[in-house]
């Protein structure tokens, strides 16, 4: 199904609770983090039941291949979370989401290992219109783990000219989710690193 127009739905918006970076000592020598990854909108194109897989590159798929990887931490900013569920979804290079096929193109989920690590092989997404403007290229995330708040967020890419005028990517809370595309080895492979810190679930 082709969906070039993005319809803003305010009821889907999710907002950050804190900023990044600090670790503060509270009572009884307990250290709590203030590195929580900020939220972003869910958007209208989420589908449940995406397959468990770490490779989203299928035969004939057009696009620049990247490795998207990182670690999931708890709210102390340093404890890796094993078995956290990381879901991603994004459009193809034409700006289209797979909203109804059984193949779930550009949609997947994966569980973190004992070091909190996750990794996907996918492509850089294209762009689609949000009214009269293009949304910057982005990849959606939904991350859940026992004892932590669910995270719904997006990442963007440094140098994208459509970030500045995008309602969501231009917000201050998105600054640390605008990521470089890195040549991480000698073979020209492109990598995007995105570490995630989850807030503790309230009792």
C-alpha atoms as a PDB file:
ATOM      1  CA  UNK A   1       0.000   0.000   0.000  1.00  0.00           C
ATOM      2  CA  UNK A   2       1.436   3.379  -1.008  1.00  0.00           C
ATOM      3  CA  UNK A   3       1.149   6.184   1.543  1.00  0.00           C
ATOM      4  CA  UNK A   4       2.936   9.364   0.426  1.00  0.00           C
ATOM      5  CA  UNK A   5       0.950  11.703   2.674  1.00  0.00           C
ATOM      6  CA  UNK A   6       1.650  11.665   6.397  1.00  0.00           C
ATOM      7  CA  UNK A   7      -1.397  12.608   8.475  1.00  0.00           C
ATOM      8  CA  UNK A   8      -0.547  14.127  11.824  1.00  0.00           C
ATOM      9  CA  UNK A   9      -2.442  12.502  14.655  1.00  0.00           C
ATOM     10  CA  UNK A  10      -1.852  14.301  17.901  1.00  0.00           C
ATOM     11  CA  UNK A  11      -3.182  11.401  19.925  1.00  0.00           C
ATOM     12  CA  UNK A  12      -0.191   9.349  18.794  1.00  0.00           C
ATOM     13  CA  UNK A  13       2.372  11.856  20.009  1.00  0.00           C
ATOM     14  CA  UNK A  14       4.662  10.778  22.843  1.00  0.00           C
ATOM     15  CA  UNK A  15       6.918  13.185  24.626  1.00  0.00           C
ATOM     16  CA  UNK A  16      10.176  12.931  26.542  1.00  0.00           C
ATOM     17  CA  UNK A  17      10.320  13.071  30.306  1.00  0.00           C
ATOM     18  CA  UNK A  18      13.953  14.019  30.733  1.00  0.00           C
ATOM     19  CA  UNK A  19      17.135  14.966  28.926  1.00  0.00           C
ATOM     20  CA  UNK A  20      20.334  13.049  28.403  1.00  0.00           C
ATOM     21  CA  UNK A  21      23.587  12.741  30.188  1.00  0.00           C
ATOM     22  CA  UNK A  22      23.698  12.976  33.964  1.00  0.00           C
ATOM     23  CA  UNK A  23      23.975  10.304  36.608  1.00  0.00           C
ATOM     24  CA  UNK A  24      22.878  11.551  40.011  1.00  0.00           C
ATOM     25  CA  UNK A  25      23.259  10.024  43.466  1.00  0.00           C
ATOM     26  CA  UNK A  26      20.083   9.691  45.454  1.00  0.00           C
ATOM     27  CA  UNK A  27      19.412   8.408  48.957  1.00  0.00           C
ATOM     28  CA  UNK A  28      21.074   5.219  50.236  1.00  0.00           C
ATOM     29  CA  UNK A  29      23.889   5.427  47.664  1.00  0.00           C
ATOM     30  CA  UNK A  30      21.545   4.590  44.795  1.00  0.00           C
ATOM     31  CA  UNK A  31      22.616   6.037  41.465  1.00  0.00           C
ATOM     32  CA  UNK A  32      19.898   7.003  39.016  1.00  0.00           C
ATOM     33  CA  UNK A  33      20.441   8.087  35.418  1.00  0.00           C
ATOM     34  CA  UNK A  34      19.226  11.097  33.543  1.00  0.00           C
ATOM     35  CA  UNK A  35      20.257   9.688  30.177  1.00  0.00           C
ATOM     36  CA  UNK A  36      16.795   8.536  29.156  1.00  0.00           C
ATOM     37  CA  UNK A  37      16.323   8.322  25.395  1.00  0.00           C
ATOM     38  CA  UNK A  38      13.689  10.823  24.343  1.00  0.00           C
ATOM     39  CA  UNK A  39      10.395   9.844  22.786  1.00  0.00           C
ATOM     40  CA  UNK A  40       8.937  10.741  19.418  1.00  0.00           C
ATOM     41  CA  UNK A  41       5.604  10.153  17.693  1.00  0.00           C
ATOM     42  CA  UNK A  42       4.447   6.638  16.915  1.00  0.00           C
ATOM     43  CA  UNK A  43       3.030   7.692  13.559  1.00  0.00           C
ATOM     44  CA  UNK A  44       0.187   5.976  11.682  1.00  0.00           C
ATOM     45  CA  UNK A  45       2.206   3.168  10.077  1.00  0.00           C
ATOM     46  CA  UNK A  46       3.065   0.872  12.996  1.00  0.00           C
ATOM     47  CA  UNK A  47       2.151  -2.796  12.536  1.00  0.00           C
ATOM     48  CA  UNK A  48       2.236  -5.389  15.269  1.00  0.00           C
ATOM     49  CA  UNK A  49       3.495  -8.933  14.710  1.00  0.00           C
ATOM     50  CA  UNK A  50       6.538  -8.048  12.625  1.00  0.00           C
ATOM     51  CA  UNK A  51       8.854 -11.065  12.266  1.00  0.00           C
ATOM     52  CA  UNK A  52      11.788 -11.706  14.578  1.00  0.00           C
ATOM     53  CA  UNK A  53      14.791 -11.141  12.306  1.00  0.00           C
ATOM     54  CA  UNK A  54      17.874  -8.971  12.137  1.00  0.00           C
ATOM     55  CA  UNK A  55      18.201  -8.756   8.341  1.00  0.00           C
ATOM     56  CA  UNK A  56      15.648  -6.632   6.490  1.00  0.00           C
ATOM     57  CA  UNK A  57      17.475  -6.647   3.152  1.00  0.00           C
ATOM     58  CA  UNK A  58      15.624  -8.786   0.625  1.00  0.00           C
ATOM     59  CA  UNK A  59      16.501  -9.745  -2.942  1.00  0.00           C
ATOM     60  CA  UNK A  60      15.998  -6.856  -5.342  1.00  0.00           C
ATOM     61  CA  UNK A  61      15.610  -4.235  -2.603  1.00  0.00           C
ATOM     62  CA  UNK A  62      16.828  -0.822  -3.770  1.00  0.00           C
ATOM     63  CA  UNK A  63      18.781   1.337  -1.351  1.00  0.00           C
ATOM     64  CA  UNK A  64      21.985   1.979   0.533  1.00  0.00           C
ATOM     65  CA  UNK A  65      22.630  -0.842   2.989  1.00  0.00           C
ATOM     66  CA  UNK A  66      23.494   0.076   6.571  1.00  0.00           C
ATOM     67  CA  UNK A  67      24.043  -1.760   9.824  1.00  0.00           C
ATOM     68  CA  UNK A  68      21.955  -0.257  12.606  1.00  0.00           C
ATOM     69  CA  UNK A  69      23.196  -1.287  16.016  1.00  0.00           C
ATOM     70  CA  UNK A  70      23.534  -0.301  19.633  1.00  0.00           C
ATOM     71  CA  UNK A  71      22.904  -1.275  23.237  1.00  0.00           C
ATOM     72  CA  UNK A  72      19.882  -0.964  25.495  1.00  0.00           C
ATOM     73  CA  UNK A  73      20.562   0.236  29.046  1.00  0.00           C
ATOM     74  CA  UNK A  74      18.513   0.706  32.174  1.00  0.00           C
ATOM     75  CA  UNK A  75      17.865   4.034  33.846  1.00  0.00           C
ATOM     76  CA  UNK A  76      21.316   4.120  35.497  1.00  0.00           C
ATOM     77  CA  UNK A  77      22.794   4.675  32.022  1.00  0.00           C
ATOM     78  CA  UNK A  78      25.182   1.731  32.298  1.00  0.00           C
ATOM     79  CA  UNK A  79      23.402  -1.548  33.108  1.00  0.00           C
ATOM     80  CA  UNK A  80      22.735  -3.488  29.878  1.00  0.00           C
ATOM     81  CA  UNK A  81      19.254  -4.932  29.537  1.00  0.00           C
ATOM     82  CA  UNK A  82      19.177  -8.499  28.272  1.00  0.00           C
ATOM     83  CA  UNK A  83      16.159  -9.723  26.318  1.00  0.00           C
ATOM     84  CA  UNK A  84      14.808  -6.236  25.641  1.00  0.00           C
ATOM     85  CA  UNK A  85      12.547  -6.248  22.595  1.00  0.00           C
ATOM     86  CA  UNK A  86      13.641  -3.783  19.908  1.00  0.00           C
ATOM     87  CA  UNK A  87      11.181  -3.197  17.054  1.00  0.00           C
ATOM     88  CA  UNK A  88      12.012  -1.064  14.020  1.00  0.00           C
ATOM     89  CA  UNK A  89      10.082  -0.008  10.921  1.00  0.00           C
ATOM     90  CA  UNK A  90      10.639   2.481   8.124  1.00  0.00           C
ATOM     91  CA  UNK A  91       9.699   3.292   4.544  1.00  0.00           C
ATOM     92  CA  UNK A  92      11.563   2.170   1.427  1.00  0.00           C
ATOM     93  CA  UNK A  93      13.519   4.520  -0.831  1.00  0.00           C
ATOM     94  CA  UNK A  94      10.286   5.596  -2.551  1.00  0.00           C
ATOM     95  CA  UNK A  95       8.785   6.753   0.724  1.00  0.00           C
ATOM     96  CA  UNK A  96       6.334   3.847   0.947  1.00  0.00           C
ATOM     97  CA  UNK A  97       5.594   1.711   4.006  1.00  0.00           C
ATOM     98  CA  UNK A  98       4.557  -1.917   3.714  1.00  0.00           C
ATOM     99  CA  UNK A  99       1.245  -1.575   5.514  1.00  0.00           C
ATOM    100  CA  UNK A 100      -0.492  -4.771   4.476  1.00  0.00           C
ATOM    101  CA  UNK A 101       1.699  -7.461   2.915  1.00  0.00           C
ATOM    102  CA  UNK A 102       2.624 -10.684   4.669  1.00  0.00           C
ATOM    103  CA  UNK A 103       6.312  -9.953   3.973  1.00  0.00           C
ATOM    104  CA  UNK A 104       6.467  -7.058   6.459  1.00  0.00           C
ATOM    105  CA  UNK A 105       9.088  -5.280   4.345  1.00  0.00           C
ATOM    106  CA  UNK A 106      11.310  -2.909   6.360  1.00  0.00           C
ATOM    107  CA  UNK A 107       9.774  -4.146   9.590  1.00  0.00           C
ATOM    108  CA  UNK A 108      11.424  -6.404  12.166  1.00  0.00           C
ATOM    109  CA  UNK A 109      12.051  -7.055  15.828  1.00  0.00           C
ATOM    110  CA  UNK A 110      14.986  -8.490  17.721  1.00  0.00           C
ATOM    111  CA  UNK A 111      15.919  -9.291  21.312  1.00  0.00           C
ATOM    112  CA  UNK A 112      19.051  -7.944  22.962  1.00  0.00           C
ATOM    113  CA  UNK A 113      21.767 -10.344  24.069  1.00  0.00           C
ATOM    114  CA  UNK A 114      23.361 -10.581  27.518  1.00  0.00           C
ATOM    115  CA  UNK A 115      25.348  -7.411  26.795  1.00  0.00           C
ATOM    116  CA  UNK A 116      22.234  -5.480  25.852  1.00  0.00           C
ATOM    117  CA  UNK A 117      23.254  -5.453  22.190  1.00  0.00           C
ATOM    118  CA  UNK A 118      20.969  -5.399  19.168  1.00  0.00           C
ATOM    119  CA  UNK A 119      21.724  -5.156  15.445  1.00  0.00           C
ATOM    120  CA  UNK A 120      19.780  -4.881  12.186  1.00  0.00           C
ATOM    121  CA  UNK A 121      20.882  -4.937   8.565  1.00  0.00           C
ATOM    122  CA  UNK A 122      18.640  -2.649   6.553  1.00  0.00           C
ATOM    123  CA  UNK A 123      18.661   0.301   4.128  1.00  0.00           C
ATOM    124  CA  UNK A 124      18.579   4.049   4.524  1.00  0.00           C
ATOM    125  CA  UNK A 125      14.911   5.025   4.181  1.00  0.00           C
ATOM    126  CA  UNK A 126      13.565   7.509   1.683  1.00  0.00           C
ATOM    127  CA  UNK A 127      11.189  10.396   2.369  1.00  0.00           C
ATOM    128  CA  UNK A 128       7.497  11.171   1.997  1.00  0.00           C
ATOM    129  CA  UNK A 129       5.345  14.270   2.157  1.00  0.00           C
ATOM    130  CA  UNK A 130       3.908  15.633   5.387  1.00  0.00           C
ATOM    131  CA  UNK A 131       1.522  18.163   3.895  1.00  0.00           C
ATOM    132  CA  UNK A 132       3.643  20.326   1.614  1.00  0.00           C
ATOM    133  CA  UNK A 133       6.977  19.355   3.186  1.00  0.00           C
ATOM    134  CA  UNK A 134       9.008  16.182   3.191  1.00  0.00           C
ATOM    135  CA  UNK A 135       9.674  14.464   6.466  1.00  0.00           C
ATOM    136  CA  UNK A 136      13.390  13.821   6.941  1.00  0.00           C
ATOM    137  CA  UNK A 137      14.547  10.236   6.541  1.00  0.00           C
ATOM    138  CA  UNK A 138      13.887   8.361   9.771  1.00  0.00           C
ATOM    139  CA  UNK A 139      13.615   4.951  11.377  1.00  0.00           C
ATOM    140  CA  UNK A 140      10.986   4.200  14.000  1.00  0.00           C
ATOM    141  CA  UNK A 141      11.777   2.362  17.236  1.00  0.00           C
ATOM    142  CA  UNK A 142       9.623   0.685  19.844  1.00  0.00           C
ATOM    143  CA  UNK A 143      11.574  -0.787  22.773  1.00  0.00           C
ATOM    144  CA  UNK A 144      10.195  -2.743  25.713  1.00  0.00           C
ATOM    145  CA  UNK A 145      11.904  -4.469  28.641  1.00  0.00           C
ATOM    146  CA  UNK A 146      10.814  -5.847  31.995  1.00  0.00           C
ATOM    147  CA  UNK A 147      10.810  -3.176  34.667  1.00  0.00           C
ATOM    148  CA  UNK A 148      11.217  -0.316  32.184  1.00  0.00           C
ATOM    149  CA  UNK A 149       8.870   2.126  30.520  1.00  0.00           C
ATOM    150  CA  UNK A 150       8.097   1.466  26.891  1.00  0.00           C
ATOM    151  CA  UNK A 151      10.005   3.709  24.504  1.00  0.00           C
ATOM    152  CA  UNK A 152       8.539   4.919  21.212  1.00  0.00           C
ATOM    153  CA  UNK A 153      11.004   7.002  19.259  1.00  0.00           C
ATOM    154  CA  UNK A 154      12.680   7.772  15.926  1.00  0.00           C
ATOM    155  CA  UNK A 155      16.189   8.378  14.698  1.00  0.00           C
ATOM    156  CA  UNK A 156      17.250  10.863  12.027  1.00  0.00           C
ATOM    157  CA  UNK A 157      20.496  11.366  10.101  1.00  0.00           C
ATOM    158  CA  UNK A 158      23.045  14.152  10.229  1.00  0.00           C
ATOM    159  CA  UNK A 159      23.147  16.371   7.174  1.00  0.00           C
ATOM    160  CA  UNK A 160      19.517  15.800   6.213  1.00  0.00           C
ATOM    161  CA  UNK A 161      18.268  19.174   4.890  1.00  0.00           C
ATOM    162  CA  UNK A 162      14.655  18.422   5.833  1.00  0.00           C
ATOM    163  CA  UNK A 163      15.336  18.228   9.580  1.00  0.00           C
ATOM    164  CA  UNK A 164      15.317  21.971  10.164  1.00  0.00           C
ATOM    165  CA  UNK A 165      11.686  22.489   9.136  1.00  0.00           C
ATOM    166  CA  UNK A 166      10.288  19.194  10.413  1.00  0.00           C
ATOM    167  CA  UNK A 167       8.002  19.610  13.416  1.00  0.00           C
ATOM    168  CA  UNK A 168       9.420  16.630  15.302  1.00  0.00           C
ATOM    169  CA  UNK A 169      13.042  16.276  14.185  1.00  0.00           C
ATOM    170  CA  UNK A 170      13.740  19.965  14.814  1.00  0.00           C
ATOM    171  CA  UNK A 171      12.736  19.806  18.480  1.00  0.00           C
ATOM    172  CA  UNK A 172      15.526  20.118  21.020  1.00  0.00           C
ATOM    173  CA  UNK A 173      14.702  16.730  22.512  1.00  0.00           C
ATOM    174  CA  UNK A 174      15.562  15.096  19.162  1.00  0.00           C
ATOM    175  CA  UNK A 175      19.119  16.487  19.029  1.00  0.00           C
ATOM    176  CA  UNK A 176      20.803  13.322  20.284  1.00  0.00           C
ATOM    177  CA  UNK A 177      18.745  11.179  17.936  1.00  0.00           C
ATOM    178  CA  UNK A 178      20.180  12.865  14.845  1.00  0.00           C
ATOM    179  CA  UNK A 179      22.952  10.414  14.112  1.00  0.00           C
ATOM    180  CA  UNK A 180      25.988  10.177  11.855  1.00  0.00           C
ATOM    181  CA  UNK A 181      26.358   7.485   9.221  1.00  0.00           C
ATOM    182  CA  UNK A 182      29.810   6.072   9.917  1.00  0.00           C
ATOM    183  CA  UNK A 183      32.381   4.242   7.796  1.00  0.00           C
ATOM    184  CA  UNK A 184      33.291   1.902  10.616  1.00  0.00           C
ATOM    185  CA  UNK A 185      35.646  -0.478   8.802  1.00  0.00           C
ATOM    186  CA  UNK A 186      38.042  -0.618   5.858  1.00  0.00           C
ATOM    187  CA  UNK A 187      35.512  -2.156   3.464  1.00  0.00           C
ATOM    188  CA  UNK A 188      33.178   0.826   3.101  1.00  0.00           C
ATOM    189  CA  UNK A 189      30.407  -0.633   5.238  1.00  0.00           C
ATOM    190  CA  UNK A 190      28.064   2.004   6.677  1.00  0.00           C
ATOM    191  CA  UNK A 191      27.014   1.869  10.323  1.00  0.00           C
ATOM    192  CA  UNK A 192      24.559   3.844  12.438  1.00  0.00           C
ATOM    193  CA  UNK A 193      25.038   3.497  16.198  1.00  0.00           C
ATOM    194  CA  UNK A 194      22.091   4.170  18.498  1.00  0.00           C
ATOM    195  CA  UNK A 195      22.373   3.375  22.208  1.00  0.00           C
ATOM    196  CA  UNK A 196      19.099   3.472  24.123  1.00  0.00           C
ATOM    197  CA  UNK A 197      18.457   4.168  27.810  1.00  0.00           C
ATOM    198  CA  UNK A 198      15.042   3.288  29.213  1.00  0.00           C
ATOM    199  CA  UNK A 199      13.286   4.935  32.117  1.00  0.00           C
ATOM    200  CA  UNK A 200      12.287   2.791  35.073  1.00  0.00           C
ATOM    201  CA  UNK A 201       8.661   1.749  35.164  1.00  0.00           C
ATOM    202  CA  UNK A 202       6.675   3.393  37.915  1.00  0.00           C
ATOM    203  CA  UNK A 203       5.085   1.140  40.511  1.00  0.00           C
END
